[in-house]
Amino acid sequence: MPENTPHLALQGFLVWMSLIVAIGPQNALVIRQGLLRRSVGAVIAVCIAGDVALVFGGTAGVGVLVDRAPVVLTVLRWVGVAFLLWFASTAVRDAVRPSGMTAGDGGTGAGAGDADG
């Protein structure tokens, strides 16, 4: 085993943790689902599986795969474009039709001042 392997492993782990700890869309989704108490286990499982797949894919040589089969890069690019368009459209939809959320309202958006909240 090379001499600097533990150092590189620690560095990789710290970079991975910095990506997970930063509050972003994925963490906001997990927090929201936790507050709503809806499919929390499934959401966490999918997020963990996605993170692990991306880390292993990145370290296992996606670059080599793309280098050997350039069509993979094109497919990945358009899948990414489709995802970003979907994500942007849901963000715009949520911005146009905002609904408040409190920990105890079950996700209905009903606040304390509402007749049925």
PDB file of N, CA and C in Angstrom:
ATOM      1  N   MET A   1       0.849  -1.173   0.000  1.00  0.00           N
ATOM      2  CA  MET A   1       0.000   0.000   0.000  1.00  0.00           C
ATOM      3  C   MET A   1       0.898   1.242   0.000  1.00  0.00           C
ATOM      4  N   PRO A   2       0.611   2.212  -0.874  1.00  0.00           N
ATOM      5  CA  PRO A   2       1.432   3.423  -0.913  1.00  0.00           C
ATOM      6  C   PRO A   2       1.392   4.165   0.422  1.00  0.00           C
ATOM      7  N   GLU A   3       2.443   4.907   0.674  1.00  0.00           N
ATOM      8  CA  GLU A   3       2.610   5.598   1.945  1.00  0.00           C
ATOM      9  C   GLU A   3       1.546   6.658   2.210  1.00  0.00           C
ATOM     10  N   ASN A   4       1.067   7.336   1.182  1.00  0.00           N
ATOM     11  CA  ASN A   4       0.119   8.437   1.377  1.00  0.00           C
ATOM     12  C   ASN A   4      -1.346   8.006   1.275  1.00  0.00           C
ATOM     13  N   THR A   5      -1.637   6.722   1.210  1.00  0.00           N
ATOM     14  CA  THR A   5      -3.014   6.250   1.069  1.00  0.00           C
ATOM     15  C   THR A   5      -3.909   6.686   2.225  1.00  0.00           C
ATOM     16  N   PRO A   6      -3.493   6.547   3.496  1.00  0.00           N
ATOM     17  CA  PRO A   6      -4.382   7.002   4.580  1.00  0.00           C
ATOM     18  C   PRO A   6      -4.676   8.497   4.489  1.00  0.00           C
ATOM     19  N   HIS A   7      -3.670   9.275   4.119  1.00  0.00           N
ATOM     20  CA  HIS A   7      -3.874  10.721   3.971  1.00  0.00           C
ATOM     21  C   HIS A   7      -4.898  11.013   2.869  1.00  0.00           C
ATOM     22  N   LEU A   8      -4.781  10.343   1.747  1.00  0.00           N
ATOM     23  CA  LEU A   8      -5.714  10.551   0.643  1.00  0.00           C
ATOM     24  C   LEU A   8      -7.121  10.092   1.020  1.00  0.00           C
ATOM     25  N   ALA A   9      -7.220   8.985   1.744  1.00  0.00           N
ATOM     26  CA  ALA A   9      -8.526   8.500   2.176  1.00  0.00           C
ATOM     27  C   ALA A   9      -9.189   9.503   3.117  1.00  0.00           C
ATOM     28  N   LEU A  10      -8.413  10.056   4.050  1.00  0.00           N
ATOM     29  CA  LEU A  10      -8.946  11.062   4.972  1.00  0.00           C
ATOM     30  C   LEU A  10      -9.367  12.308   4.207  1.00  0.00           C
ATOM     31  N   GLN A  11      -8.555  12.724   3.264  1.00  0.00           N
ATOM     32  CA  GLN A  11      -8.886  13.904   2.465  1.00  0.00           C
ATOM     33  C   GLN A  11     -10.172  13.674   1.673  1.00  0.00           C
ATOM     34  N   GLY A  12     -10.300  12.516   1.060  1.00  0.00           N
ATOM     35  CA  GLY A  12     -11.520  12.201   0.323  1.00  0.00           C
ATOM     36  C   GLY A  12     -12.738  12.165   1.222  1.00  0.00           C
ATOM     37  N   PHE A  13     -12.586  11.568   2.413  1.00  0.00           N
ATOM     38  CA  PHE A  13     -13.695  11.511   3.362  1.00  0.00           C
ATOM     39  C   PHE A  13     -14.120  12.909   3.788  1.00  0.00           C
ATOM     40  N   LEU A  14     -13.167  13.784   4.074  1.00  0.00           N
ATOM     41  CA  LEU A  14     -13.501  15.145   4.500  1.00  0.00           C
ATOM     42  C   LEU A  14     -14.187  15.934   3.385  1.00  0.00           C
ATOM     43  N   VAL A  15     -13.746  15.748   2.151  1.00  0.00           N
ATOM     44  CA  VAL A  15     -14.417  16.423   1.033  1.00  0.00           C
ATOM     45  C   VAL A  15     -15.848  15.913   0.902  1.00  0.00           C
ATOM     46  N   TRP A  16     -16.033  14.593   1.014  1.00  0.00           N
ATOM     47  CA  TRP A  16     -17.371  14.008   0.936  1.00  0.00           C
ATOM     48  C   TRP A  16     -18.258  14.572   2.040  1.00  0.00           C
ATOM     49  N   MET A  17     -17.744  14.643   3.260  1.00  0.00           N
ATOM     50  CA  MET A  17     -18.531  15.163   4.376  1.00  0.00           C
ATOM     51  C   MET A  17     -18.880  16.635   4.160  1.00  0.00           C
ATOM     52  N   SER A  18     -17.965  17.400   3.565  1.00  0.00           N
ATOM     53  CA  SER A  18     -18.266  18.811   3.325  1.00  0.00           C
ATOM     54  C   SER A  18     -19.411  18.961   2.340  1.00  0.00           C
ATOM     55  N   LEU A  19     -19.526  18.022   1.417  1.00  0.00           N
ATOM     56  CA  LEU A  19     -20.644  18.076   0.471  1.00  0.00           C
ATOM     57  C   LEU A  19     -21.950  17.684   1.142  1.00  0.00           C
ATOM     58  N   ILE A  20     -21.897  16.771   2.084  1.00  0.00           N
ATOM     59  CA  ILE A  20     -23.103  16.306   2.751  1.00  0.00           C
ATOM     60  C   ILE A  20     -23.572  17.306   3.794  1.00  0.00           C
ATOM     61  N   VAL A  21     -22.650  17.902   4.537  1.00  0.00           N
ATOM     62  CA  VAL A  21     -23.007  18.784   5.636  1.00  0.00           C
ATOM     63  C   VAL A  21     -23.593  20.100   5.133  1.00  0.00           C
ATOM     64  N   ALA A  22     -23.133  20.594   4.005  1.00  0.00           N
ATOM     65  CA  ALA A  22     -23.633  21.863   3.473  1.00  0.00           C
ATOM     66  C   ALA A  22     -25.127  21.739   3.170  1.00  0.00           C
ATOM     67  N   ILE A  23     -25.902  22.730   3.619  1.00  0.00           N
ATOM     68  CA  ILE A  23     -27.341  22.701   3.373  1.00  0.00           C
ATOM     69  C   ILE A  23     -27.584  23.057   1.917  1.00  0.00           C
ATOM     70  N   GLY A  24     -28.129  22.122   1.208  1.00  0.00           N
ATOM     71  CA  GLY A  24     -28.460  22.314  -0.196  1.00  0.00           C
ATOM     72  C   GLY A  24     -29.833  21.728  -0.454  1.00  0.00           C
ATOM     73  N   PRO A  25     -30.191  21.581  -1.706  1.00  0.00           N
ATOM     74  CA  PRO A  25     -31.525  21.071  -2.039  1.00  0.00           C
ATOM     75  C   PRO A  25     -31.804  19.685  -1.463  1.00  0.00           C
ATOM     76  N   GLN A  26     -30.802  18.823  -1.466  1.00  0.00           N
ATOM     77  CA  GLN A  26     -31.016  17.473  -0.946  1.00  0.00           C
ATOM     78  C   GLN A  26     -31.294  17.517   0.553  1.00  0.00           C
ATOM     79  N   ASN A  27     -30.495  18.278   1.296  1.00  0.00           N
ATOM     80  CA  ASN A  27     -30.701  18.374   2.733  1.00  0.00           C
ATOM     81  C   ASN A  27     -32.022  19.057   3.049  1.00  0.00           C
ATOM     82  N   ALA A  28     -32.367  20.077   2.269  1.00  0.00           N
ATOM     83  CA  ALA A  28     -33.642  20.755   2.481  1.00  0.00           C
ATOM     84  C   ALA A  28     -34.806  19.788   2.253  1.00  0.00           C
ATOM     85  N   LEU A  29     -34.688  18.922   1.255  1.00  0.00           N
ATOM     86  CA  LEU A  29     -35.725  17.921   1.007  1.00  0.00           C
ATOM     87  C   LEU A  29     -35.858  16.971   2.186  1.00  0.00           C
ATOM     88  N   VAL A  30     -34.729  16.497   2.704  1.00  0.00           N
ATOM     89  CA  VAL A  30     -34.766  15.571   3.839  1.00  0.00           C
ATOM     90  C   VAL A  30     -35.383  16.254   5.057  1.00  0.00           C
ATOM     91  N   ILE A  31     -35.000  17.497   5.316  1.00  0.00           N
ATOM     92  CA  ILE A  31     -35.562  18.231   6.455  1.00  0.00           C
ATOM     93  C   ILE A  31     -37.061  18.435   6.266  1.00  0.00           C
ATOM     94  N   ARG A  32     -37.470  18.818   5.067  1.00  0.00           N
ATOM     95  CA  ARG A  32     -38.897  19.044   4.797  1.00  0.00           C
ATOM     96  C   ARG A  32     -39.699  17.759   4.994  1.00  0.00           C
ATOM     97  N   GLN A  33     -39.217  16.660   4.428  1.00  0.00           N
ATOM     98  CA  GLN A  33     -39.929  15.390   4.570  1.00  0.00           C
ATOM     99  C   GLN A  33     -39.970  14.955   6.034  1.00  0.00           C
ATOM    100  N   GLY A  34     -38.904  15.257   6.780  1.00  0.00           N
ATOM    101  CA  GLY A  34     -38.904  14.938   8.206  1.00  0.00           C
ATOM    102  C   GLY A  34     -39.941  15.731   8.960  1.00  0.00           C
ATOM    103  N   LEU A  35     -40.055  17.023   8.643  1.00  0.00           N
ATOM    104  CA  LEU A  35     -41.074  17.849   9.291  1.00  0.00           C
ATOM    105  C   LEU A  35     -42.487  17.392   8.929  1.00  0.00           C
ATOM    106  N   LEU A  36     -42.658  16.982   7.677  1.00  0.00           N
ATOM    107  CA  LEU A  36     -43.978  16.516   7.235  1.00  0.00           C
ATOM    108  C   LEU A  36     -44.262  15.084   7.683  1.00  0.00           C
ATOM    109  N   ARG A  37     -43.209  14.378   8.125  1.00  0.00           N
ATOM    110  CA  ARG A  37     -43.318  12.983   8.539  1.00  0.00           C
ATOM    111  C   ARG A  37     -43.868  12.109   7.411  1.00  0.00           C
ATOM    112  N   ARG A  38     -43.349  12.347   6.201  1.00  0.00           N
ATOM    113  CA  ARG A  38     -43.771  11.592   5.018  1.00  0.00           C
ATOM    114  C   ARG A  38     -42.582  10.871   4.403  1.00  0.00           C
ATOM    115  N   SER A  39     -42.624   9.585   4.345  1.00  0.00           N
ATOM    116  CA  SER A  39     -41.628   8.756   3.649  1.00  0.00           C
ATOM    117  C   SER A  39     -40.200   9.114   4.024  1.00  0.00           C
ATOM    118  N   VAL A  40     -39.959   9.394   5.285  1.00  0.00           N
ATOM    119  CA  VAL A  40     -38.638   9.853   5.715  1.00  0.00           C
ATOM    120  C   VAL A  40     -37.578   8.788   5.438  1.00  0.00           C
ATOM    121  N   GLY A  41     -37.863   7.548   5.808  1.00  0.00           N
ATOM    122  CA  GLY A  41     -36.888   6.480   5.588  1.00  0.00           C
ATOM    123  C   GLY A  41     -36.559   6.291   4.120  1.00  0.00           C
ATOM    124  N   ALA A  42     -37.579   6.328   3.275  1.00  0.00           N
ATOM    125  CA  ALA A  42     -37.356   6.150   1.838  1.00  0.00           C
ATOM    126  C   ALA A  42     -36.548   7.307   1.258  1.00  0.00           C
ATOM    127  N   VAL A  43     -36.856   8.523   1.680  1.00  0.00           N
ATOM    128  CA  VAL A  43     -36.126   9.693   1.184  1.00  0.00           C
ATOM    129  C   VAL A  43     -34.664   9.619   1.606  1.00  0.00           C
ATOM    130  N   ILE A  44     -34.422   9.265   2.863  1.00  0.00           N
ATOM    131  CA  ILE A  44     -33.041   9.156   3.345  1.00  0.00           C
ATOM    132  C   ILE A  44     -32.305   8.047   2.600  1.00  0.00           C
ATOM    133  N   ALA A  45     -32.983   6.909   2.398  1.00  0.00           N
ATOM    134  CA  ALA A  45     -32.343   5.788   1.697  1.00  0.00           C
ATOM    135  C   ALA A  45     -31.965   6.174   0.265  1.00  0.00           C
ATOM    136  N   VAL A  46     -32.857   6.862  -0.436  1.00  0.00           N
ATOM    137  CA  VAL A  46     -32.565   7.279  -1.807  1.00  0.00           C
ATOM    138  C   VAL A  46     -31.419   8.291  -1.834  1.00  0.00           C
ATOM    139  N   CYS A  47     -31.414   9.216  -0.888  1.00  0.00           N
ATOM    140  CA  CYS A  47     -30.334  10.210  -0.839  1.00  0.00           C
ATOM    141  C   CYS A  47     -28.991   9.551  -0.550  1.00  0.00           C
ATOM    142  N   ILE A  48     -28.963   8.625   0.395  1.00  0.00           N
ATOM    143  CA  ILE A  48     -27.716   7.932   0.708  1.00  0.00           C
ATOM    144  C   ILE A  48     -27.252   7.106  -0.495  1.00  0.00           C
ATOM    145  N   ALA A  49     -28.179   6.378  -1.113  1.00  0.00           N
ATOM    146  CA  ALA A  49     -27.822   5.561  -2.277  1.00  0.00           C
ATOM    147  C   ALA A  49     -27.287   6.437  -3.411  1.00  0.00           C
ATOM    148  N   GLY A  50     -27.923   7.577  -3.628  1.00  0.00           N
ATOM    149  CA  GLY A  50     -27.448   8.492  -4.672  1.00  0.00           C
ATOM    150  C   GLY A  50     -26.062   9.034  -4.376  1.00  0.00           C
ATOM    151  N   ASP A  51     -25.825   9.434  -3.131  1.00  0.00           N
ATOM    152  CA  ASP A  51     -24.506   9.942  -2.754  1.00  0.00           C
ATOM    153  C   ASP A  51     -23.435   8.869  -2.929  1.00  0.00           C
ATOM    154  N   VAL A  52     -23.731   7.675  -2.439  1.00  0.00           N
ATOM    155  CA  VAL A  52     -22.757   6.583  -2.541  1.00  0.00           C
ATOM    156  C   VAL A  52     -22.483   6.246  -4.007  1.00  0.00           C
ATOM    157  N   ALA A  53     -23.541   6.173  -4.817  1.00  0.00           N
ATOM    158  CA  ALA A  53     -23.360   5.850  -6.239  1.00  0.00           C
ATOM    159  C   ALA A  53     -22.518   6.917  -6.942  1.00  0.00           C
ATOM    160  N   LEU A  54     -22.772   8.182  -6.630  1.00  0.00           N
ATOM    161  CA  LEU A  54     -21.997   9.256  -7.260  1.00  0.00           C
ATOM    162  C   LEU A  54     -20.541   9.241  -6.822  1.00  0.00           C
ATOM    163  N   VAL A  55     -20.308   8.998  -5.547  1.00  0.00           N
ATOM    164  CA  VAL A  55     -18.919   8.954  -5.069  1.00  0.00           C
ATOM    165  C   VAL A  55     -18.190   7.772  -5.684  1.00  0.00           C
ATOM    166  N   PHE A  56     -18.804   6.597  -5.647  1.00  0.00           N
ATOM    167  CA  PHE A  56     -18.146   5.432  -6.224  1.00  0.00           C
ATOM    168  C   PHE A  56     -18.011   5.560  -7.742  1.00  0.00           C
ATOM    169  N   GLY A  57     -19.018   6.123  -8.389  1.00  0.00           N
ATOM    170  CA  GLY A  57     -18.917   6.329  -9.835  1.00  0.00           C
ATOM    171  C   GLY A  57     -17.794   7.280 -10.185  1.00  0.00           C
ATOM    172  N   GLY A  58     -17.667   8.334  -9.392  1.00  0.00           N
ATOM    173  CA  GLY A  58     -16.605   9.296  -9.649  1.00  0.00           C
ATOM    174  C   GLY A  58     -15.234   8.725  -9.402  1.00  0.00           C
ATOM    175  N   THR A  59     -15.116   7.890  -8.374  1.00  0.00           N
ATOM    176  CA  THR A  59     -13.805   7.333  -8.064  1.00  0.00           C
ATOM    177  C   THR A  59     -13.501   6.072  -8.860  1.00  0.00           C
ATOM    178  N   ALA A  60     -14.507   5.427  -9.400  1.00  0.00           N
ATOM    179  CA  ALA A  60     -14.293   4.174 -10.128  1.00  0.00           C
ATOM    180  C   ALA A  60     -13.903   4.404 -11.584  1.00  0.00           C
ATOM    181  N   GLY A  61     -13.910   5.632 -12.004  1.00  0.00           N
ATOM    182  CA  GLY A  61     -13.405   5.896 -13.340  1.00  0.00           C
ATOM    183  C   GLY A  61     -14.450   6.224 -14.377  1.00  0.00           C
ATOM    184  N   VAL A  62     -15.407   7.075 -14.029  1.00  0.00           N
ATOM    185  CA  VAL A  62     -16.367   7.510 -15.037  1.00  0.00           C
ATOM    186  C   VAL A  62     -15.622   8.212 -16.171  1.00  0.00           C
ATOM    187  N   GLY A  63     -14.532   8.888 -15.818  1.00  0.00           N
ATOM    188  CA  GLY A  63     -13.718   9.538 -16.852  1.00  0.00           C
ATOM    189  C   GLY A  63     -13.183   8.551 -17.865  1.00  0.00           C
ATOM    190  N   VAL A  64     -12.767   7.385 -17.391  1.00  0.00           N
ATOM    191  CA  VAL A  64     -12.267   6.348 -18.297  1.00  0.00           C
ATOM    192  C   VAL A  64     -13.404   5.857 -19.200  1.00  0.00           C
ATOM    193  N   LEU A  65     -14.571   5.658 -18.611  1.00  0.00           N
ATOM    194  CA  LEU A  65     -15.732   5.208 -19.389  1.00  0.00           C
ATOM    195  C   LEU A  65     -16.094   6.223 -20.474  1.00  0.00           C
ATOM    196  N   VAL A  66     -16.125   7.479 -20.100  1.00  0.00           N
ATOM    197  CA  VAL A  66     -16.454   8.538 -21.061  1.00  0.00           C
ATOM    198  C   VAL A  66     -15.370   8.640 -22.128  1.00  0.00           C
ATOM    199  N   ASP A  67     -14.121   8.432 -21.730  1.00  0.00           N
ATOM    200  CA  ASP A  67     -13.017   8.482 -22.683  1.00  0.00           C
ATOM    201  C   ASP A  67     -13.133   7.360 -23.719  1.00  0.00           C
ATOM    202  N   ARG A  68     -13.575   6.192 -23.273  1.00  0.00           N
ATOM    203  CA  ARG A  68     -13.686   5.046 -24.176  1.00  0.00           C
ATOM    204  C   ARG A  68     -14.983   5.042 -24.969  1.00  0.00           C
ATOM    205  N   ALA A  69     -16.037   5.633 -24.427  1.00  0.00           N
ATOM    206  CA  ALA A  69     -17.335   5.672 -25.115  1.00  0.00           C
ATOM    207  C   ALA A  69     -17.898   7.088 -25.010  1.00  0.00           C
ATOM    208  N   PRO A  70     -17.525   7.978 -25.926  1.00  0.00           N
ATOM    209  CA  PRO A  70     -17.951   9.381 -25.853  1.00  0.00           C
ATOM    210  C   PRO A  70     -19.468   9.579 -25.836  1.00  0.00           C
ATOM    211  N   VAL A  71     -20.220   8.614 -26.323  1.00  0.00           N
ATOM    212  CA  VAL A  71     -21.675   8.752 -26.300  1.00  0.00           C
ATOM    213  C   VAL A  71     -22.205   8.807 -24.872  1.00  0.00           C
ATOM    214  N   VAL A  72     -21.478   8.209 -23.925  1.00  0.00           N
ATOM    215  CA  VAL A  72     -21.890   8.239 -22.518  1.00  0.00           C
ATOM    216  C   VAL A  72     -21.909   9.679 -22.014  1.00  0.00           C
ATOM    217  N   LEU A  73     -20.933  10.475 -22.415  1.00  0.00           N
ATOM    218  CA  LEU A  73     -20.901  11.877 -22.011  1.00  0.00           C
ATOM    219  C   LEU A  73     -22.121  12.621 -22.538  1.00  0.00           C
ATOM    220  N   THR A  74     -22.493  12.348 -23.770  1.00  0.00           N
ATOM    221  CA  THR A  74     -23.670  12.992 -24.356  1.00  0.00           C
ATOM    222  C   THR A  74     -24.928  12.592 -23.594  1.00  0.00           C
ATOM    223  N   VAL A  75     -25.058  11.308 -23.282  1.00  0.00           N
ATOM    224  CA  VAL A  75     -26.229  10.829 -22.531  1.00  0.00           C
ATOM    225  C   VAL A  75     -26.261  11.488 -21.155  1.00  0.00           C
ATOM    226  N   LEU A  76     -25.132  11.492 -20.460  1.00  0.00           N
ATOM    227  CA  LEU A  76     -25.079  12.108 -19.134  1.00  0.00           C
ATOM    228  C   LEU A  76     -25.405  13.596 -19.192  1.00  0.00           C
ATOM    229  N   ARG A  77     -24.924  14.259 -20.222  1.00  0.00           N
ATOM    230  CA  ARG A  77     -25.191  15.692 -20.369  1.00  0.00           C
ATOM    231  C   ARG A  77     -26.688  15.949 -20.498  1.00  0.00           C
ATOM    232  N   TRP A  78     -27.374  15.184 -21.356  1.00  0.00           N
ATOM    233  CA  TRP A  78     -28.807  15.427 -21.584  1.00  0.00           C
ATOM    234  C   TRP A  78     -29.672  14.966 -20.424  1.00  0.00           C
ATOM    235  N   VAL A  79     -29.237  13.934 -19.725  1.00  0.00           N
ATOM    236  CA  VAL A  79     -29.949  13.543 -18.492  1.00  0.00           C
ATOM    237  C   VAL A  79     -29.816  14.663 -17.462  1.00  0.00           C
ATOM    238  N   GLY A  80     -28.636  15.254 -17.375  1.00  0.00           N
ATOM    239  CA  GLY A  80     -28.432  16.380 -16.468  1.00  0.00           C
ATOM    240  C   GLY A  80     -29.269  17.585 -16.855  1.00  0.00           C
ATOM    241  N   VAL A  81     -29.350  17.867 -18.133  1.00  0.00           N
ATOM    242  CA  VAL A  81     -30.183  18.984 -18.606  1.00  0.00           C
ATOM    243  C   VAL A  81     -31.646  18.739 -18.252  1.00  0.00           C
ATOM    244  N   ALA A  82     -32.119  17.523 -18.481  1.00  0.00           N
ATOM    245  CA  ALA A  82     -33.520  17.192 -18.163  1.00  0.00           C
ATOM    246  C   ALA A  82     -33.776  17.347 -16.670  1.00  0.00           C
ATOM    247  N   PHE A  83     -32.849  16.874 -15.842  1.00  0.00           N
ATOM    248  CA  PHE A  83     -33.023  17.002 -14.392  1.00  0.00           C
ATOM    249  C   PHE A  83     -33.063  18.461 -13.978  1.00  0.00           C
ATOM    250  N   LEU A  84     -32.125  19.267 -14.489  1.00  0.00           N
ATOM    251  CA  LEU A  84     -32.093  20.676 -14.109  1.00  0.00           C
ATOM    252  C   LEU A  84     -33.335  21.420 -14.562  1.00  0.00           C
ATOM    253  N   LEU A  85     -33.854  21.087 -15.743  1.00  0.00           N
ATOM    254  CA  LEU A  85     -35.100  21.714 -16.199  1.00  0.00           C
ATOM    255  C   LEU A  85     -36.268  21.327 -15.300  1.00  0.00           C
ATOM    256  N   TRP A  86     -36.333  20.049 -14.932  1.00  0.00           N
ATOM    257  CA  TRP A  86     -37.397  19.602 -14.032  1.00  0.00           C
ATOM    258  C   TRP A  86     -37.275  20.310 -12.678  1.00  0.00           C
ATOM    259  N   PHE A  87     -36.051  20.361 -12.152  1.00  0.00           N
ATOM    260  CA  PHE A  87     -35.834  20.981 -10.848  1.00  0.00           C
ATOM    261  C   PHE A  87     -36.180  22.469 -10.896  1.00  0.00           C
ATOM    262  N   ALA A  88     -35.782  23.145 -11.965  1.00  0.00           N
ATOM    263  CA  ALA A  88     -36.092  24.569 -12.116  1.00  0.00           C
ATOM    264  C   ALA A  88     -37.589  24.799 -12.221  1.00  0.00           C
ATOM    265  N   SER A  89     -38.283  23.939 -12.964  1.00  0.00           N
ATOM    266  CA  SER A  89     -39.732  24.126 -13.104  1.00  0.00           C
ATOM    267  C   SER A  89     -40.457  23.915 -11.782  1.00  0.00           C
ATOM    268  N   THR A  90     -40.011  22.959 -10.981  1.00  0.00           N
ATOM    269  CA  THR A  90     -40.649  22.780  -9.677  1.00  0.00           C
ATOM    270  C   THR A  90     -40.326  23.944  -8.746  1.00  0.00           C
ATOM    271  N   ALA A  91     -39.111  24.500  -8.846  1.00  0.00           N
ATOM    272  CA  ALA A  91     -38.752  25.651  -8.025  1.00  0.00           C
ATOM    273  C   ALA A  91     -39.592  26.870  -8.412  1.00  0.00           C
ATOM    274  N   VAL A  92     -39.780  27.077  -9.712  1.00  0.00           N
ATOM    275  CA  VAL A  92     -40.615  28.195 -10.173  1.00  0.00           C
ATOM    276  C   VAL A  92     -42.053  27.984  -9.725  1.00  0.00           C
ATOM    277  N   ARG A  93     -42.557  26.760  -9.856  1.00  0.00           N
ATOM    278  CA  ARG A  93     -43.924  26.458  -9.426  1.00  0.00           C
ATOM    279  C   ARG A  93     -44.101  26.746  -7.936  1.00  0.00           C
ATOM    280  N   ASP A  94     -43.135  26.330  -7.136  1.00  0.00           N
ATOM    281  CA  ASP A  94     -43.217  26.568  -5.698  1.00  0.00           C
ATOM    282  C   ASP A  94     -43.099  28.051  -5.367  1.00  0.00           C
ATOM    283  N   ALA A  95     -42.325  28.798  -6.160  1.00  0.00           N
ATOM    284  CA  ALA A  95     -42.187  30.231  -5.925  1.00  0.00           C
ATOM    285  C   ALA A  95     -43.456  30.980  -6.309  1.00  0.00           C
ATOM    286  N   VAL A  96     -44.123  30.527  -7.370  1.00  0.00           N
ATOM    287  CA  VAL A  96     -45.348  31.186  -7.824  1.00  0.00           C
ATOM    288  C   VAL A  96     -46.510  30.875  -6.887  1.00  0.00           C
ATOM    289  N   ARG A  97     -46.567  29.643  -6.399  1.00  0.00           N
ATOM    290  CA  ARG A  97     -47.638  29.226  -5.487  1.00  0.00           C
ATOM    291  C   ARG A  97     -47.035  28.798  -4.151  1.00  0.00           C
ATOM    292  N   PRO A  98     -46.527  29.761  -3.379  1.00  0.00           N
ATOM    293  CA  PRO A  98     -45.904  29.377  -2.113  1.00  0.00           C
ATOM    294  C   PRO A  98     -46.948  28.900  -1.104  1.00  0.00           C
ATOM    295  N   SER A  99     -46.534  27.987  -0.279  1.00  0.00           N
ATOM    296  CA  SER A  99     -47.388  27.557   0.823  1.00  0.00           C
ATOM    297  C   SER A  99     -46.512  27.459   2.048  1.00  0.00           C
ATOM    298  N   GLY A 100     -46.962  28.045   3.116  1.00  0.00           N
ATOM    299  CA  GLY A 100     -46.198  28.006   4.356  1.00  0.00           C
ATOM    300  C   GLY A 100     -46.212  26.603   4.923  1.00  0.00           C
ATOM    301  N   MET A 101     -45.250  26.317   5.769  1.00  0.00           N
ATOM    302  CA  MET A 101     -45.191  25.005   6.378  1.00  0.00           C
ATOM    303  C   MET A 101     -44.711  25.170   7.805  1.00  0.00           C
ATOM    304  N   THR A 102     -45.439  24.577   8.721  1.00  0.00           N
ATOM    305  CA  THR A 102     -44.988  24.537  10.102  1.00  0.00           C
ATOM    306  C   THR A 102     -44.867  23.083  10.505  1.00  0.00           C
ATOM    307  N   ALA A 103     -44.172  22.847  11.583  1.00  0.00           N
ATOM    308  CA  ALA A 103     -43.893  21.463  11.986  1.00  0.00           C
ATOM    309  C   ALA A 103     -45.156  20.688  12.315  1.00  0.00           C
ATOM    310  N   GLY A 104     -46.210  21.348  12.783  1.00  0.00           N
ATOM    311  CA  GLY A 104     -47.388  20.612  13.230  1.00  0.00           C
ATOM    312  C   GLY A 104     -48.559  20.608  12.271  1.00  0.00           C
ATOM    313  N   ASP A 105     -48.421  21.189  11.086  1.00  0.00           N
ATOM    314  CA  ASP A 105     -49.601  21.296  10.220  1.00  0.00           C
ATOM    315  C   ASP A 105     -49.764  20.144   9.251  1.00  0.00           C
ATOM    316  N   GLY A 106     -48.873  19.173   9.250  1.00  0.00           N
ATOM    317  CA  GLY A 106     -49.015  18.019   8.373  1.00  0.00           C
ATOM    318  C   GLY A 106     -48.811  18.340   6.908  1.00  0.00           C
ATOM    319  N   GLY A 107     -48.202  19.478   6.607  1.00  0.00           N
ATOM    320  CA  GLY A 107     -47.903  19.822   5.229  1.00  0.00           C
ATOM    321  C   GLY A 107     -49.028  20.508   4.491  1.00  0.00           C
ATOM    322  N   THR A 108     -50.083  20.918   5.194  1.00  0.00           N
ATOM    323  CA  THR A 108     -51.205  21.549   4.508  1.00  0.00           C
ATOM    324  C   THR A 108     -50.962  23.005   4.237  1.00  0.00           C
ATOM    325  N   GLY A 109     -49.997  23.593   4.932  1.00  0.00           N
ATOM    326  CA  GLY A 109     -49.727  25.012   4.748  1.00  0.00           C
ATOM    327  C   GLY A 109     -50.646  25.887   5.576  1.00  0.00           C
ATOM    328  N   ALA A 110     -51.536  25.300   6.368  1.00  0.00           N
ATOM    329  CA  ALA A 110     -52.464  26.060   7.180  1.00  0.00           C
ATOM    330  C   ALA A 110     -51.720  26.635   8.376  1.00  0.00           C
ATOM    331  N   GLY A 111     -51.836  27.920   8.563  1.00  0.00           N
ATOM    332  CA  GLY A 111     -51.180  28.566   9.694  1.00  0.00           C
ATOM    333  C   GLY A 111     -52.149  28.739  10.845  1.00  0.00           C
ATOM    334  N   ALA A 112     -51.651  29.337  11.919  1.00  0.00           N
ATOM    335  CA  ALA A 112     -52.478  29.516  13.104  1.00  0.00           C
ATOM    336  C   ALA A 112     -53.614  30.492  12.860  1.00  0.00           C
ATOM    337  N   GLY A 113     -53.455  31.408  11.899  1.00  0.00           N
ATOM    338  CA  GLY A 113     -54.488  32.395  11.640  1.00  0.00           C
ATOM    339  C   GLY A 113     -55.567  31.904  10.690  1.00  0.00           C
ATOM    340  N   ASP A 114     -55.420  30.728  10.107  1.00  0.00           N
ATOM    341  CA  ASP A 114     -56.418  30.197   9.186  1.00  0.00           C
ATOM    342  C   ASP A 114     -57.611  29.637   9.940  1.00  0.00           C
ATOM    343  N   ALA A 115     -58.748  29.667   9.295  1.00  0.00           N
ATOM    344  CA  ALA A 115     -59.976  29.194   9.920  1.00  0.00           C
ATOM    345  C   ALA A 115     -59.908  27.725  10.255  1.00  0.00           C
ATOM    346  N   ASP A 116     -59.299  26.901   9.350  1.00  0.00           N
ATOM    347  CA  ASP A 116     -59.258  25.479   9.611  1.00  0.00           C
ATOM    348  C   ASP A 116     -57.917  25.043  10.183  1.00  0.00           C
ATOM    349  N   GLY A 117     -56.976  25.969  10.459  1.00  0.00           N
ATOM    350  CA  GLY A 117     -55.661  25.597  10.982  1.00  0.00           C
ATOM    351  C   GLY A 117     -55.603  25.856  12.414  1.00  0.00           C
TER     352      GLY A 117
END
